[in-house]
Each structure stands twice: as structure tokens, then as C-alpha cells.
Amino acid sequence: MKTSKHASLLDQHCDYLKHIFRLQQTQSPVSTSALAESLKVAPSTVTDTLKKLSQKGLINYTPYHGITLTPEGERLAVKAIRRHRIVERFLTDMLGFEWHEAHEEALRFETQLSDEVERRLFVALNKPKVCPHGYPIPSKVEDVKVEETTLYSLEPGETAEVISVKDDEPELLQFMASLGIKPGVKIKVVAKDPFKGPLQAVVGRSRRTVGWHLANSIHVRKL
């Protein structure tokens, strides 16, 4: 089976490309410290990998001046994001994993899949449009854009539909599920304390208290 010249590199460093892509949406160029924090490693740890990615033409990297993806780096980042989200759907829809388990489990083996296996999984899943956490399954860079409005940005009296939720904190996802907060659910904010205080919201028929951190991890579309 024919493979990309960057296939092995993608297998080794797709996490870097994915994290750079995500951070680049709000901060460009991406600082080394921000990338290290996102990857949960020491800044000194990322330097060697960044040099390798730069040498392969996947990133533009100058020490102390930040990181940006090249067009080829963006293409591979989107490819990695697409595969991750398809695997998450497979884990939840076909293997019965809970949504808070899918992200970490997908990271364990997604790079071992061939393009053909990925394609067949996508078809077997009836070509889903979003992952279990509500993020789009992209085919191109423009598809990855995420709804920017967070639950915490809403004011009392406003109602919104949950579009997506942050997927890399399993405990947070478990707690959201216990509150009934998932993509597609409608939420009405009824009160919000100042200075990053919690907000009160009606989820379904229940009134819930949602803290600042959690509310900023929930992307919504105002209704």
C-alpha cells in the first residue's frame, strides 16, 4: 500500500502538529512555552522535535520567535485531527466506550491505522460529521473551525445549544455528563456571579451550578 513520505513522521509527531494547529487558531506564532504547556512537557523537551519538524518543512520555527505551521504541516495536522476524531467515534459508537474515555484511548493506537482502515471505519460509522465531543471531522483546514462562543460568555436570560466540549480532561467530561451537558443539549443561563464566579443554568429540567473553568470549556450557539 502506498504511503506518504511524511507518514512515519506523522506517526511520531502528530500530537505536536495537532497542538500547534489548535494553538495557532488563537495565538500565531505559537510560543514554545505555550506548546509545552499544551503537551504537558517541559519547554526544553520540545526543542529537538521542533527542529526536526522544521527540517522536514512542516513548521516555521525560529528560537524565541515562535512556531507556525507550513501549508504541508497544516495538511498533516488536519489529517491527524480527522483520524483522531474518527477513532473516537469508533470507540464510542461501536465499542461502547464512554465519551470521557474516547480521547485518551484514541491516542493509544490511532497512529497505527493505515489510510485504508481509517477510510473503512469512516464508512462503517455512516460518515459522521462530528466526534463524540461535538468537534467537526475535517477534510480540509477550514472544517476545523470551532464555535467561539462559550457558555460563560452568555448573560442571564440567554439560551444556547451546546456545540462542542473540551475533550482532553476526562474528569471534566465525566462531570459534564453528570450534569447532562452534551452536544445538542439546550442550556439557559439564569444567573451569573461576577469576577469569574459560577453561573446558574437550566439544563433540561434541572437547575445546575457551573463553574468558570467548566463553562469556558463548553462551546455553544446562541438561540
C-alpha atoms as a PDB file:
ATOM      1  CA  MET A   1       0.000   0.000   0.000  1.00  0.00           C
ATOM      2  CA  LYS A   2       1.394   3.399  -0.953  1.00  0.00           C
ATOM      3  CA  THR A   3       2.178   5.661   1.990  1.00  0.00           C
ATOM      4  CA  SER A   4       3.025   9.348   2.287  1.00  0.00           C
ATOM      5  CA  LYS A   5       6.664  10.356   2.544  1.00  0.00           C
ATOM      6  CA  HIS A   6       5.708  12.002   5.822  1.00  0.00           C
ATOM      7  CA  ALA A   7       3.759   9.005   7.191  1.00  0.00           C
ATOM      8  CA  SER A   8       6.355   7.849   9.712  1.00  0.00           C
ATOM      9  CA  LEU A   9       6.961  11.403  10.862  1.00  0.00           C
ATOM     10  CA  LEU A  10       3.233  11.921  11.318  1.00  0.00           C
ATOM     11  CA  ASP A  11       3.078   8.750  13.410  1.00  0.00           C
ATOM     12  CA  GLN A  12       5.834  10.032  15.680  1.00  0.00           C
ATOM     13  CA  HIS A  13       4.902  13.693  15.962  1.00  0.00           C
ATOM     14  CA  CYS A  14       1.218  14.091  15.061  1.00  0.00           C
ATOM     15  CA  ASP A  15       0.486  15.324  18.572  1.00  0.00           C
ATOM     16  CA  TYR A  16       2.850  18.242  18.026  1.00  0.00           C
ATOM     17  CA  LEU A  17       1.167  19.185  14.760  1.00  0.00           C
ATOM     18  CA  LYS A  18      -2.307  18.885  16.297  1.00  0.00           C
ATOM     19  CA  HIS A  19      -1.421  21.043  19.294  1.00  0.00           C
ATOM     20  CA  ILE A  20       0.339  23.670  17.172  1.00  0.00           C
ATOM     21  CA  PHE A  21      -2.690  23.800  14.859  1.00  0.00           C
ATOM     22  CA  ARG A  22      -5.096  24.284  17.767  1.00  0.00           C
ATOM     23  CA  LEU A  23      -2.972  26.943  19.464  1.00  0.00           C
ATOM     24  CA  GLN A  24      -2.406  28.729  16.160  1.00  0.00           C
ATOM     25  CA  GLN A  25      -6.140  29.462  15.954  1.00  0.00           C
ATOM     26  CA  THR A  26      -5.823  31.950  18.832  1.00  0.00           C
ATOM     27  CA  GLN A  27      -2.094  32.717  19.023  1.00  0.00           C
ATOM     28  CA  SER A  28       0.182  32.972  15.998  1.00  0.00           C
ATOM     29  CA  PRO A  29       3.056  32.429  16.079  1.00  0.00           C
ATOM     30  CA  VAL A  30       2.753  29.831  18.847  1.00  0.00           C
ATOM     31  CA  SER A  31       5.268  30.210  21.668  1.00  0.00           C
ATOM     32  CA  THR A  32       7.397  27.246  22.731  1.00  0.00           C
ATOM     33  CA  SER A  33       6.172  27.619  26.303  1.00  0.00           C
ATOM     34  CA  ALA A  34       2.506  27.542  25.209  1.00  0.00           C
ATOM     35  CA  LEU A  35       3.137  24.392  23.168  1.00  0.00           C
ATOM     36  CA  ALA A  36       4.991  22.737  26.044  1.00  0.00           C
ATOM     37  CA  GLU A  37       2.142  23.595  28.432  1.00  0.00           C
ATOM     38  CA  SER A  38      -0.423  22.199  25.986  1.00  0.00           C
ATOM     39  CA  LEU A  39       1.592  18.977  25.585  1.00  0.00           C
ATOM     40  CA  LYS A  40       2.240  18.855  29.356  1.00  0.00           C
ATOM     41  CA  VAL A  41       6.019  18.589  28.944  1.00  0.00           C
ATOM     42  CA  ALA A  42       8.981  20.792  29.840  1.00  0.00           C
ATOM     43  CA  PRO A  43       9.867  23.521  27.267  1.00  0.00           C
ATOM     44  CA  SER A  44      13.341  22.041  26.836  1.00  0.00           C
ATOM     45  CA  THR A  45      11.746  18.747  25.789  1.00  0.00           C
ATOM     46  CA  VAL A  46      10.068  20.148  22.684  1.00  0.00           C
ATOM     47  CA  THR A  47      13.120  21.820  21.122  1.00  0.00           C
ATOM     48  CA  ASP A  48      14.606  18.768  19.370  1.00  0.00           C
ATOM     49  CA  THR A  49      11.250  17.775  17.884  1.00  0.00           C
ATOM     50  CA  LEU A  50      10.606  21.304  16.645  1.00  0.00           C
ATOM     51  CA  LYS A  51      13.963  21.300  14.886  1.00  0.00           C
ATOM     52  CA  LYS A  52      13.092  18.003  13.158  1.00  0.00           C
ATOM     53  CA  LEU A  53       9.679  19.274  12.084  1.00  0.00           C
ATOM     54  CA  SER A  54      11.305  22.445  10.766  1.00  0.00           C
ATOM     55  CA  GLN A  55      13.891  20.465   8.797  1.00  0.00           C
ATOM     56  CA  LYS A  56      11.069  18.451   7.207  1.00  0.00           C
ATOM     57  CA  GLY A  57       9.317  21.640   6.122  1.00  0.00           C
ATOM     58  CA  LEU A  58       6.288  21.134   8.370  1.00  0.00           C
ATOM     59  CA  ILE A  59       6.751  24.182  10.602  1.00  0.00           C
ATOM     60  CA  ASN A  60       8.417  27.566  10.532  1.00  0.00           C
ATOM     61  CA  TYR A  61      10.466  27.723  13.713  1.00  0.00           C
ATOM     62  CA  THR A  62      12.944  30.295  14.951  1.00  0.00           C
ATOM     63  CA  PRO A  63      14.004  30.090  18.620  1.00  0.00           C
ATOM     64  CA  TYR A  64      12.423  32.887  20.695  1.00  0.00           C
ATOM     65  CA  HIS A  65      10.215  33.928  17.757  1.00  0.00           C
ATOM     66  CA  GLY A  66       7.564  31.202  17.879  1.00  0.00           C
ATOM     67  CA  ILE A  67       6.164  28.483  15.640  1.00  0.00           C
ATOM     68  CA  THR A  68       3.757  28.412  12.707  1.00  0.00           C
ATOM     69  CA  LEU A  69       2.705  25.513  10.517  1.00  0.00           C
ATOM     70  CA  THR A  70       3.640  25.447   6.846  1.00  0.00           C
ATOM     71  CA  PRO A  71       0.888  24.528   4.346  1.00  0.00           C
ATOM     72  CA  GLU A  72       2.131  20.919   4.394  1.00  0.00           C
ATOM     73  CA  GLY A  73       2.212  20.975   8.190  1.00  0.00           C
ATOM     74  CA  GLU A  74      -1.371  22.214   8.250  1.00  0.00           C
ATOM     75  CA  ARG A  75      -2.422  19.468   5.859  1.00  0.00           C
ATOM     76  CA  LEU A  76      -0.896  16.771   8.044  1.00  0.00           C
ATOM     77  CA  ALA A  77      -2.305  18.362  11.215  1.00  0.00           C
ATOM     78  CA  VAL A  78      -5.823  18.230   9.744  1.00  0.00           C
ATOM     79  CA  LYS A  79      -5.207  14.631   8.643  1.00  0.00           C
ATOM     80  CA  ALA A  80      -4.168  13.719  12.209  1.00  0.00           C
ATOM     81  CA  ILE A  81      -7.158  15.541  13.722  1.00  0.00           C
ATOM     82  CA  ARG A  82      -9.532  13.794  11.315  1.00  0.00           C
ATOM     83  CA  ARG A  83      -8.139  10.356  12.162  1.00  0.00           C
ATOM     84  CA  HIS A  84      -8.304  11.021  15.906  1.00  0.00           C
ATOM     85  CA  ARG A  85     -11.956  12.031  15.753  1.00  0.00           C
ATOM     86  CA  ILE A  86     -12.937   9.086  13.557  1.00  0.00           C
ATOM     87  CA  VAL A  87     -11.267   6.725  16.041  1.00  0.00           C
ATOM     88  CA  GLU A  88     -13.117   8.427  18.908  1.00  0.00           C
ATOM     89  CA  ARG A  89     -16.411   7.782  17.113  1.00  0.00           C
ATOM     90  CA  PHE A  90     -15.464   4.152  16.566  1.00  0.00           C
ATOM     91  CA  LEU A  91     -14.642   3.731  20.253  1.00  0.00           C
ATOM     92  CA  THR A  92     -17.914   5.242  21.472  1.00  0.00           C
ATOM     93  CA  ASP A  93     -20.318   4.111  18.751  1.00  0.00           C
ATOM     94  CA  MET A  94     -19.061   0.590  18.083  1.00  0.00           C
ATOM     95  CA  LEU A  95     -17.066  -0.444  21.161  1.00  0.00           C
ATOM     96  CA  GLY A  96     -19.184   1.213  23.831  1.00  0.00           C
ATOM     97  CA  PHE A  97     -16.547   3.442  25.426  1.00  0.00           C
ATOM     98  CA  GLU A  98     -17.789   6.447  27.378  1.00  0.00           C
ATOM     99  CA  TRP A  99     -17.031   9.859  25.870  1.00  0.00           C
ATOM    100  CA  HIS A 100     -14.592  10.706  28.667  1.00  0.00           C
ATOM    101  CA  GLU A 101     -12.569   7.593  27.781  1.00  0.00           C
ATOM    102  CA  ALA A 102     -12.512   8.050  23.999  1.00  0.00           C
ATOM    103  CA  HIS A 103      -9.882  10.811  23.742  1.00  0.00           C
ATOM    104  CA  GLU A 104      -7.165   9.032  25.729  1.00  0.00           C
ATOM    105  CA  GLU A 105      -7.910   5.629  24.207  1.00  0.00           C
ATOM    106  CA  ALA A 106      -7.763   7.051  20.689  1.00  0.00           C
ATOM    107  CA  LEU A 107      -4.300   8.482  21.353  1.00  0.00           C
ATOM    108  CA  ARG A 108      -3.002   4.995  22.167  1.00  0.00           C
ATOM    109  CA  PHE A 109      -3.425   3.453  18.737  1.00  0.00           C
ATOM    110  CA  GLU A 110      -4.661   5.964  16.150  1.00  0.00           C
ATOM    111  CA  THR A 111      -1.218   6.377  14.527  1.00  0.00           C
ATOM    112  CA  GLN A 112      -1.073   2.634  13.827  1.00  0.00           C
ATOM    113  CA  LEU A 113      -4.026   2.745  11.417  1.00  0.00           C
ATOM    114  CA  SER A 114      -3.483   2.751   7.666  1.00  0.00           C
ATOM    115  CA  ASP A 115      -5.337   5.247   5.485  1.00  0.00           C
ATOM    116  CA  GLU A 116      -7.481   2.403   4.172  1.00  0.00           C
ATOM    117  CA  VAL A 117      -8.536   1.271   7.652  1.00  0.00           C
ATOM    118  CA  GLU A 118      -9.387   4.869   8.504  1.00  0.00           C
ATOM    119  CA  ARG A 119     -11.476   5.156   5.339  1.00  0.00           C
ATOM    120  CA  ARG A 120     -13.369   1.945   6.064  1.00  0.00           C
ATOM    121  CA  LEU A 121     -14.020   2.953   9.676  1.00  0.00           C
ATOM    122  CA  PHE A 122     -15.456   6.251   8.464  1.00  0.00           C
ATOM    123  CA  VAL A 123     -17.781   4.472   6.033  1.00  0.00           C
ATOM    124  CA  ALA A 124     -18.777   1.831   8.613  1.00  0.00           C
ATOM    125  CA  LEU A 125     -19.739   4.637  11.001  1.00  0.00           C
ATOM    126  CA  ASN A 126     -22.032   6.126   8.306  1.00  0.00           C
ATOM    127  CA  LYS A 127     -19.675   9.046   7.646  1.00  0.00           C
ATOM    128  CA  PRO A 128     -20.210  11.003  10.883  1.00  0.00           C
ATOM    129  CA  LYS A 129     -19.811  14.782  10.766  1.00  0.00           C
ATOM    130  CA  VAL A 130     -18.633  15.295  14.364  1.00  0.00           C
ATOM    131  CA  CYS A 131     -16.709  13.441  17.072  1.00  0.00           C
ATOM    132  CA  PRO A 132     -18.408  12.410  20.350  1.00  0.00           C
ATOM    133  CA  HIS A 133     -17.446  15.778  21.850  1.00  0.00           C
ATOM    134  CA  GLY A 134     -19.080  17.765  19.054  1.00  0.00           C
ATOM    135  CA  TYR A 135     -15.993  18.794  17.068  1.00  0.00           C
ATOM    136  CA  PRO A 136     -16.189  18.528  13.254  1.00  0.00           C
ATOM    137  CA  ILE A 137     -14.466  15.639  11.478  1.00  0.00           C
ATOM    138  CA  PRO A 138     -12.490  17.696   8.949  1.00  0.00           C
ATOM    139  CA  SER A 139     -11.478  17.112   5.359  1.00  0.00           C
ATOM    140  CA  LYS A 140      -9.698  20.460   4.986  1.00  0.00           C
ATOM    141  CA  VAL A 141      -8.297  23.242   7.176  1.00  0.00           C
ATOM    142  CA  GLU A 142     -11.480  25.315   7.063  1.00  0.00           C
ATOM    143  CA  ASP A 143     -13.520  22.429   8.515  1.00  0.00           C
ATOM    144  CA  VAL A 144     -11.681  22.527  11.848  1.00  0.00           C
ATOM    145  CA  LYS A 145     -13.039  25.909  12.919  1.00  0.00           C
ATOM    146  CA  VAL A 146     -14.773  25.710  16.299  1.00  0.00           C
ATOM    147  CA  GLU A 147     -17.692  27.792  17.549  1.00  0.00           C
ATOM    148  CA  GLU A 148     -16.009  30.585  19.549  1.00  0.00           C
ATOM    149  CA  THR A 149     -18.879  31.401  21.913  1.00  0.00           C
ATOM    150  CA  THR A 150     -18.506  29.753  25.309  1.00  0.00           C
ATOM    151  CA  LEU A 151     -21.225  29.136  27.853  1.00  0.00           C
ATOM    152  CA  TYR A 152     -19.597  31.600  30.232  1.00  0.00           C
ATOM    153  CA  SER A 153     -19.936  34.425  27.704  1.00  0.00           C
ATOM    154  CA  LEU A 154     -23.735  34.195  27.890  1.00  0.00           C
ATOM    155  CA  GLU A 155     -25.715  36.592  30.056  1.00  0.00           C
ATOM    156  CA  PRO A 156     -28.661  35.706  32.318  1.00  0.00           C
ATOM    157  CA  GLY A 157     -31.776  35.087  30.235  1.00  0.00           C
ATOM    158  CA  GLU A 158     -29.882  33.848  27.181  1.00  0.00           C
ATOM    159  CA  THR A 159     -30.346  30.329  25.838  1.00  0.00           C
ATOM    160  CA  ALA A 160     -27.919  28.330  23.724  1.00  0.00           C
ATOM    161  CA  GLU A 161     -27.332  24.899  22.273  1.00  0.00           C
ATOM    162  CA  VAL A 162     -24.144  23.043  23.213  1.00  0.00           C
ATOM    163  CA  ILE A 163     -21.992  22.571  20.085  1.00  0.00           C
ATOM    164  CA  SER A 164     -18.796  21.043  21.467  1.00  0.00           C
ATOM    165  CA  VAL A 165     -16.946  20.472  24.736  1.00  0.00           C
ATOM    166  CA  LYS A 166     -13.257  20.353  25.585  1.00  0.00           C
ATOM    167  CA  ASP A 167     -12.182  16.754  25.140  1.00  0.00           C
ATOM    168  CA  ASP A 168      -8.795  16.390  26.875  1.00  0.00           C
ATOM    169  CA  GLU A 169      -9.844  16.382  30.543  1.00  0.00           C
ATOM    170  CA  PRO A 170     -11.578  13.060  31.349  1.00  0.00           C
ATOM    171  CA  GLU A 171     -12.679  14.125  34.830  1.00  0.00           C
ATOM    172  CA  LEU A 172     -14.257  17.271  33.419  1.00  0.00           C
ATOM    173  CA  LEU A 173     -16.115  15.243  30.791  1.00  0.00           C
ATOM    174  CA  GLN A 174     -17.422  12.863  33.461  1.00  0.00           C
ATOM    175  CA  PHE A 175     -18.676  15.806  35.482  1.00  0.00           C
ATOM    176  CA  MET A 176     -20.340  17.372  32.426  1.00  0.00           C
ATOM    177  CA  ALA A 177     -22.117  14.105  31.727  1.00  0.00           C
ATOM    178  CA  SER A 178     -23.384  14.006  35.327  1.00  0.00           C
ATOM    179  CA  LEU A 179     -24.874  17.482  34.761  1.00  0.00           C
ATOM    180  CA  GLY A 180     -26.490  16.374  31.483  1.00  0.00           C
ATOM    181  CA  ILE A 181     -24.268  18.678  29.409  1.00  0.00           C
ATOM    182  CA  LYS A 182     -23.502  17.189  25.980  1.00  0.00           C
ATOM    183  CA  PRO A 183     -23.577  18.400  22.352  1.00  0.00           C
ATOM    184  CA  GLY A 184     -27.138  19.118  21.238  1.00  0.00           C
ATOM    185  CA  VAL A 185     -28.395  19.940  24.745  1.00  0.00           C
ATOM    186  CA  LYS A 186     -30.055  23.328  25.303  1.00  0.00           C
ATOM    187  CA  ILE A 187     -28.946  25.459  28.256  1.00  0.00           C
ATOM    188  CA  LYS A 188     -30.489  28.632  29.653  1.00  0.00           C
ATOM    189  CA  VAL A 189     -28.361  30.871  31.874  1.00  0.00           C
ATOM    190  CA  VAL A 190     -30.417  32.258  34.748  1.00  0.00           C
ATOM    191  CA  ALA A 191     -27.743  33.901  36.911  1.00  0.00           C
ATOM    192  CA  LYS A 192     -24.003  34.606  36.868  1.00  0.00           C
ATOM    193  CA  ASP A 193     -21.771  35.759  39.697  1.00  0.00           C
ATOM    194  CA  PRO A 194     -19.146  38.444  38.954  1.00  0.00           C
ATOM    195  CA  PHE A 195     -15.346  38.069  38.999  1.00  0.00           C
ATOM    196  CA  LYS A 196     -15.238  34.625  37.405  1.00  0.00           C
ATOM    197  CA  GLY A 197     -17.842  33.308  39.789  1.00  0.00           C
ATOM    198  CA  PRO A 198     -20.103  30.347  38.906  1.00  0.00           C
ATOM    199  CA  LEU A 199     -23.234  30.650  36.827  1.00  0.00           C
ATOM    200  CA  GLN A 200     -26.625  29.087  37.351  1.00  0.00           C
ATOM    201  CA  ALA A 201     -28.158  27.399  34.334  1.00  0.00           C
ATOM    202  CA  VAL A 202     -31.167  25.277  33.475  1.00  0.00           C
ATOM    203  CA  VAL A 203     -30.147  22.075  31.702  1.00  0.00           C
ATOM    204  CA  GLY A 204     -33.185  20.131  30.592  1.00  0.00           C
ATOM    205  CA  ARG A 205     -35.488  20.436  33.597  1.00  0.00           C
ATOM    206  CA  SER A 206     -32.724  20.760  36.184  1.00  0.00           C
ATOM    207  CA  ARG A 207     -31.008  23.827  37.566  1.00  0.00           C
ATOM    208  CA  ARG A 208     -27.224  23.387  37.657  1.00  0.00           C
ATOM    209  CA  THR A 209     -24.268  25.324  39.062  1.00  0.00           C
ATOM    210  CA  VAL A 210     -21.465  25.586  36.510  1.00  0.00           C
ATOM    211  CA  GLY A 211     -18.037  26.945  37.485  1.00  0.00           C
ATOM    212  CA  TRP A 212     -15.977  29.373  35.406  1.00  0.00           C
ATOM    213  CA  HIS A 213     -13.482  26.767  34.132  1.00  0.00           C
ATOM    214  CA  LEU A 214     -16.181  24.313  33.108  1.00  0.00           C
ATOM    215  CA  ALA A 215     -18.337  26.996  31.463  1.00  0.00           C
ATOM    216  CA  ASN A 216     -15.357  28.133  29.365  1.00  0.00           C
ATOM    217  CA  SER A 217     -14.812  24.549  28.187  1.00  0.00           C
ATOM    218  CA  ILE A 218     -18.292  24.423  26.644  1.00  0.00           C
ATOM    219  CA  HIS A 219     -18.811  25.955  23.182  1.00  0.00           C
ATOM    220  CA  VAL A 220     -22.346  26.970  22.366  1.00  0.00           C
ATOM    221  CA  ARG A 221     -24.528  28.538  19.671  1.00  0.00           C
ATOM    222  CA  LYS A 222     -26.943  31.180  20.909  1.00  0.00           C
ATOM    223  CA  LEU A 223     -30.608  30.545  20.201  1.00  0.00           C
END
